[in-house]
N, C-alpha and C. Protein backbone atom coordinates (compact mmCIF):
# COMPACT_ATOMS: atom_id res chain seq x y z
N MET A 1 150.22 125.16 197.83
CA MET A 1 149.19 124.72 197.36
C MET A 1 149.38 123.99 196.05
N VAL A 2 149.68 122.46 195.89
CA VAL A 2 149.86 121.91 194.41
C VAL A 2 148.72 121.88 193.50
N ASP A 3 148.58 122.41 192.35
CA ASP A 3 147.78 122.70 191.98
C ASP A 3 147.19 121.30 190.69
N ILE A 4 146.72 120.82 191.09
CA ILE A 4 146.03 119.17 190.59
C ILE A 4 145.93 119.24 189.26
N ALA A 5 145.00 120.19 188.86
CA ALA A 5 144.87 120.39 187.21
C ALA A 5 146.76 120.35 186.17
N ALA A 6 147.43 120.98 187.09
CA ALA A 6 148.82 121.40 186.37
C ALA A 6 149.57 120.21 186.09
N VAL A 7 149.65 119.04 187.58
CA VAL A 7 150.09 117.79 187.57
C VAL A 7 149.52 116.88 186.82
N PHE A 8 147.85 116.69 186.35
CA PHE A 8 147.84 116.39 185.64
C PHE A 8 147.93 117.00 184.04
N GLY A 9 148.41 117.51 184.35
CA GLY A 9 148.54 117.98 182.23
C GLY A 9 150.20 117.83 182.65
N LEU A 10 150.79 118.40 183.36
CA LEU A 10 152.48 117.78 183.21
C LEU A 10 152.37 116.05 182.70
N LEU A 11 151.75 115.08 183.51
CA LEU A 11 151.98 114.00 183.30
C LEU A 11 151.37 113.76 181.96
N GLY A 12 149.99 113.92 181.49
CA GLY A 12 149.41 113.69 180.09
C GLY A 12 150.98 114.32 179.06
N SER A 13 151.26 115.38 179.09
CA SER A 13 152.02 115.57 178.30
C SER A 13 153.28 114.20 178.60
N ILE A 14 153.71 114.43 179.32
CA ILE A 14 154.82 113.34 179.56
C ILE A 14 155.06 112.60 178.75
N THR A 15 153.45 111.90 179.26
CA THR A 15 152.96 110.53 178.49
C THR A 15 152.77 110.78 177.20
N ALA A 16 151.70 111.75 176.42
CA ALA A 16 152.28 111.81 174.95
C ALA A 16 153.18 112.32 174.36
N ALA A 17 153.85 112.81 174.97
CA ALA A 17 155.56 112.68 174.18
C ALA A 17 156.45 112.15 173.92
N SER A 18 155.96 110.85 175.71
CA SER A 18 157.36 110.20 174.40
C SER A 18 156.53 108.78 173.92
N LEU A 19 155.11 108.59 173.56
CA LEU A 19 154.51 108.00 172.97
C LEU A 19 155.47 107.52 171.81
N PHE A 20 155.77 107.75 170.48
CA PHE A 20 156.12 106.93 169.82
C PHE A 20 157.75 106.94 170.38
N PHE A 21 158.66 107.48 171.19
CA PHE A 21 159.95 106.78 171.68
C PHE A 21 160.46 105.84 171.62
N PRO A 22 159.17 104.56 172.54
CA PRO A 22 159.96 103.40 172.38
C PRO A 22 159.81 102.35 171.36
N GLN A 23 158.96 103.03 170.62
CA GLN A 23 159.11 102.35 168.92
C GLN A 23 160.20 102.69 167.89
N VAL A 24 160.68 104.05 168.10
CA VAL A 24 161.59 104.28 167.74
C VAL A 24 163.37 103.80 168.79
N TRP A 25 163.12 103.96 169.52
CA TRP A 25 164.49 103.16 170.18
C TRP A 25 164.50 101.41 169.65
N ALA A 26 163.11 100.69 169.69
CA ALA A 26 162.99 99.66 169.19
C ALA A 26 163.58 98.88 167.99
N SER A 27 163.18 100.09 166.79
CA SER A 27 163.12 99.62 165.58
C SER A 27 164.60 100.40 165.38
N TYR A 28 165.34 101.24 166.13
CA TYR A 28 166.77 101.45 165.81
C TYR A 28 167.62 100.43 166.53
N LYS A 29 167.44 99.67 167.42
CA LYS A 29 168.36 98.97 167.92
C LYS A 29 167.93 97.13 167.38
N THR A 30 166.74 97.12 166.65
CA THR A 30 166.65 96.23 165.90
C THR A 30 166.64 96.04 163.97
N LYS A 31 166.62 96.94 164.14
CA LYS A 31 167.13 97.53 162.50
C LYS A 31 165.59 96.74 161.70
N GLN A 32 164.61 97.09 161.87
CA GLN A 32 163.26 96.13 161.97
C GLN A 32 162.47 97.32 161.67
N THR A 33 161.59 98.33 160.79
CA THR A 33 160.40 98.60 160.68
C THR A 33 159.82 98.48 159.80
N HIS A 34 159.15 97.28 158.98
CA HIS A 34 158.96 96.73 158.10
C HIS A 34 157.52 96.40 158.79
N ASP A 35 157.19 96.06 160.02
CA ASP A 35 155.60 95.94 159.89
C ASP A 35 155.07 97.39 160.51
N LEU A 36 155.91 98.12 160.86
CA LEU A 36 155.60 99.56 160.89
C LEU A 36 154.62 100.12 159.77
N SER A 37 153.30 100.78 160.08
CA SER A 37 152.30 101.47 159.07
C SER A 37 153.14 102.72 158.94
N TRP A 38 153.16 103.21 157.64
CA TRP A 38 153.46 104.58 157.14
C TRP A 38 151.96 105.14 157.27
N PHE A 39 151.24 105.01 157.32
CA PHE A 39 149.84 105.87 157.65
C PHE A 39 149.84 106.07 159.22
N LEU A 40 149.96 104.99 160.20
CA LEU A 40 150.32 105.44 161.44
C LEU A 40 151.56 106.81 161.92
N ILE A 41 152.45 106.16 160.95
CA ILE A 41 153.53 107.64 161.36
C ILE A 41 153.27 109.15 160.92
N ILE A 42 152.68 108.82 159.23
CA ILE A 42 152.01 110.33 158.96
C ILE A 42 150.97 110.84 159.77
N VAL A 43 149.92 109.57 160.14
CA VAL A 43 149.07 110.48 160.81
C VAL A 43 150.11 111.31 162.36
N GLY A 44 150.93 110.10 162.90
CA GLY A 44 151.26 110.91 164.02
C GLY A 44 151.56 112.71 164.07
N MET A 45 152.59 112.38 162.72
CA MET A 45 153.45 113.88 162.24
C MET A 45 152.57 114.99 162.60
N LEU A 46 151.37 114.79 161.58
CA LEU A 46 150.16 115.63 161.42
C LEU A 46 149.52 116.02 162.84
N ASN A 47 149.36 114.73 163.51
CA ASN A 47 148.85 115.09 164.70
C ASN A 47 149.37 115.84 165.23
N GLY A 48 150.78 116.06 165.28
CA GLY A 48 152.00 116.49 166.48
C GLY A 48 152.21 118.22 165.95
N PHE A 49 151.41 118.20 164.28
CA PHE A 49 151.99 119.67 163.67
C PHE A 49 150.61 120.23 163.85
N PHE A 50 149.65 119.45 163.89
CA PHE A 50 147.95 120.44 164.19
C PHE A 50 148.14 120.64 165.51
N TRP A 51 148.48 120.02 167.10
CA TRP A 51 148.58 120.54 167.84
C TRP A 51 149.65 121.52 168.21
N VAL A 52 150.90 121.12 167.75
CA VAL A 52 151.73 122.50 167.87
C VAL A 52 151.25 123.60 167.22
N VAL A 53 150.31 124.05 166.72
CA VAL A 53 150.25 125.16 165.51
C VAL A 53 149.05 125.91 166.40
N TYR A 54 147.67 124.65 166.76
CA TYR A 54 147.03 124.81 167.72
C TYR A 54 147.66 125.38 169.39
N GLY A 55 148.26 124.89 169.70
CA GLY A 55 149.08 124.83 171.39
C GLY A 55 149.31 126.61 170.88
N LEU A 56 150.73 127.32 169.58
CA LEU A 56 150.52 128.30 169.27
C LEU A 56 150.26 129.67 169.47
N PHE A 57 148.72 128.98 168.86
CA PHE A 57 147.86 130.01 168.95
C PHE A 57 147.04 130.31 170.41
N ARG A 58 147.06 129.73 171.21
CA ARG A 58 146.49 129.46 172.79
C ARG A 58 148.15 130.19 173.61
N ALA A 59 148.76 130.43 173.02
CA ALA A 59 150.13 130.25 174.14
C ALA A 59 149.95 129.46 174.47
N ASP A 60 149.79 128.03 175.00
CA ASP A 60 149.66 127.36 175.66
C ASP A 60 150.82 126.25 175.76
N PRO A 61 151.94 126.19 176.66
CA PRO A 61 153.46 125.76 176.58
C PRO A 61 153.34 123.99 176.39
N PHE A 62 152.17 123.87 177.46
CA PHE A 62 151.57 122.51 177.99
C PHE A 62 151.09 121.77 176.68
N ILE A 63 150.45 122.06 175.72
CA ILE A 63 150.92 121.87 174.45
C ILE A 63 151.29 122.00 173.36
N TYR A 64 151.68 122.79 173.40
CA TYR A 64 152.82 123.22 172.05
C TYR A 64 154.33 122.14 172.41
N ILE A 65 154.84 122.49 173.17
CA ILE A 65 156.16 121.40 174.03
C ILE A 65 155.90 120.32 173.88
N THR A 66 154.79 119.64 174.75
CA THR A 66 154.51 118.28 174.27
C THR A 66 154.52 117.97 172.70
N ASN A 67 153.81 118.46 171.73
CA ASN A 67 153.68 117.92 170.79
C ASN A 67 154.99 118.60 169.99
N ILE A 68 155.71 118.87 170.06
CA ILE A 68 156.59 119.05 169.29
C ILE A 68 157.47 117.88 169.51
N VAL A 69 157.59 117.50 170.74
CA VAL A 69 158.23 116.39 171.05
C VAL A 69 157.45 114.99 170.51
N LEU A 70 156.67 115.05 170.73
CA LEU A 70 155.48 113.76 169.58
C LEU A 70 155.88 113.74 168.14
N PHE A 71 156.03 115.51 167.51
CA PHE A 71 156.17 115.62 166.53
C PHE A 71 158.02 114.71 166.11
N ILE A 72 158.39 115.32 166.67
CA ILE A 72 160.03 114.53 166.73
C ILE A 72 159.79 113.40 166.97
N GLY A 73 159.46 112.65 167.62
CA GLY A 73 159.18 110.73 167.66
C GLY A 73 159.04 110.53 166.85
N ALA A 74 157.46 110.97 165.76
CA ALA A 74 157.04 110.83 164.58
C ALA A 74 158.30 110.59 164.15
N PHE A 75 158.35 112.07 163.82
CA PHE A 75 159.80 112.14 162.61
C PHE A 75 161.05 110.89 162.46
N LEU A 76 161.20 110.89 163.76
CA LEU A 76 162.24 110.13 163.57
C LEU A 76 162.12 108.88 163.50
N LEU A 77 161.02 108.29 163.80
CA LEU A 77 160.39 106.98 163.51
C LEU A 77 160.57 106.45 161.56
N MET A 78 159.94 107.94 161.10
CA MET A 78 160.00 108.39 159.70
C MET A 78 161.06 108.07 159.27
N LEU A 79 162.26 108.52 159.73
CA LEU A 79 163.63 108.30 158.89
C LEU A 79 164.22 106.80 159.22
N LEU A 80 163.76 105.98 160.68
CA LEU A 80 164.44 104.78 159.97
C LEU A 80 163.43 103.85 159.27
N LYS A 81 162.05 104.34 159.42
CA LYS A 81 161.41 103.71 158.29
C LYS A 81 161.78 103.49 157.15
N ARG A 82 162.45 104.73 156.60
CA ARG A 82 162.83 104.68 155.61
C ARG A 82 163.93 104.14 155.03
N ILE A 83 165.11 104.91 156.08
CA ILE A 83 165.96 103.79 156.28
C ILE A 83 165.82 102.12 156.54
N TYR A 84 165.57 101.67 157.13
CA TYR A 84 165.10 99.94 157.03
C TYR A 84 164.21 99.25 156.99
N GLY A 85 163.00 100.08 156.03
CA GLY A 85 162.04 99.58 155.58
C GLY A 85 161.95 98.59 154.73
């Protein structure tokens, strides 16, 4: 029997984790980041960090693994903004 809650949790995790990567790819390809907001990037990193800590306290891999990936995406975007912005 398929656990429908786990399926939705997995789908939510995948979509949340991939949130920043399309912008990371576009910024890398175009070498342009001047239109990106530092505020958005910093809030994205803080969001990922806080959720990772929460997920670790709850021992919930859906939460902490998803947000480790999300944090990495925001961090890469910050690096690209610093390099190209």
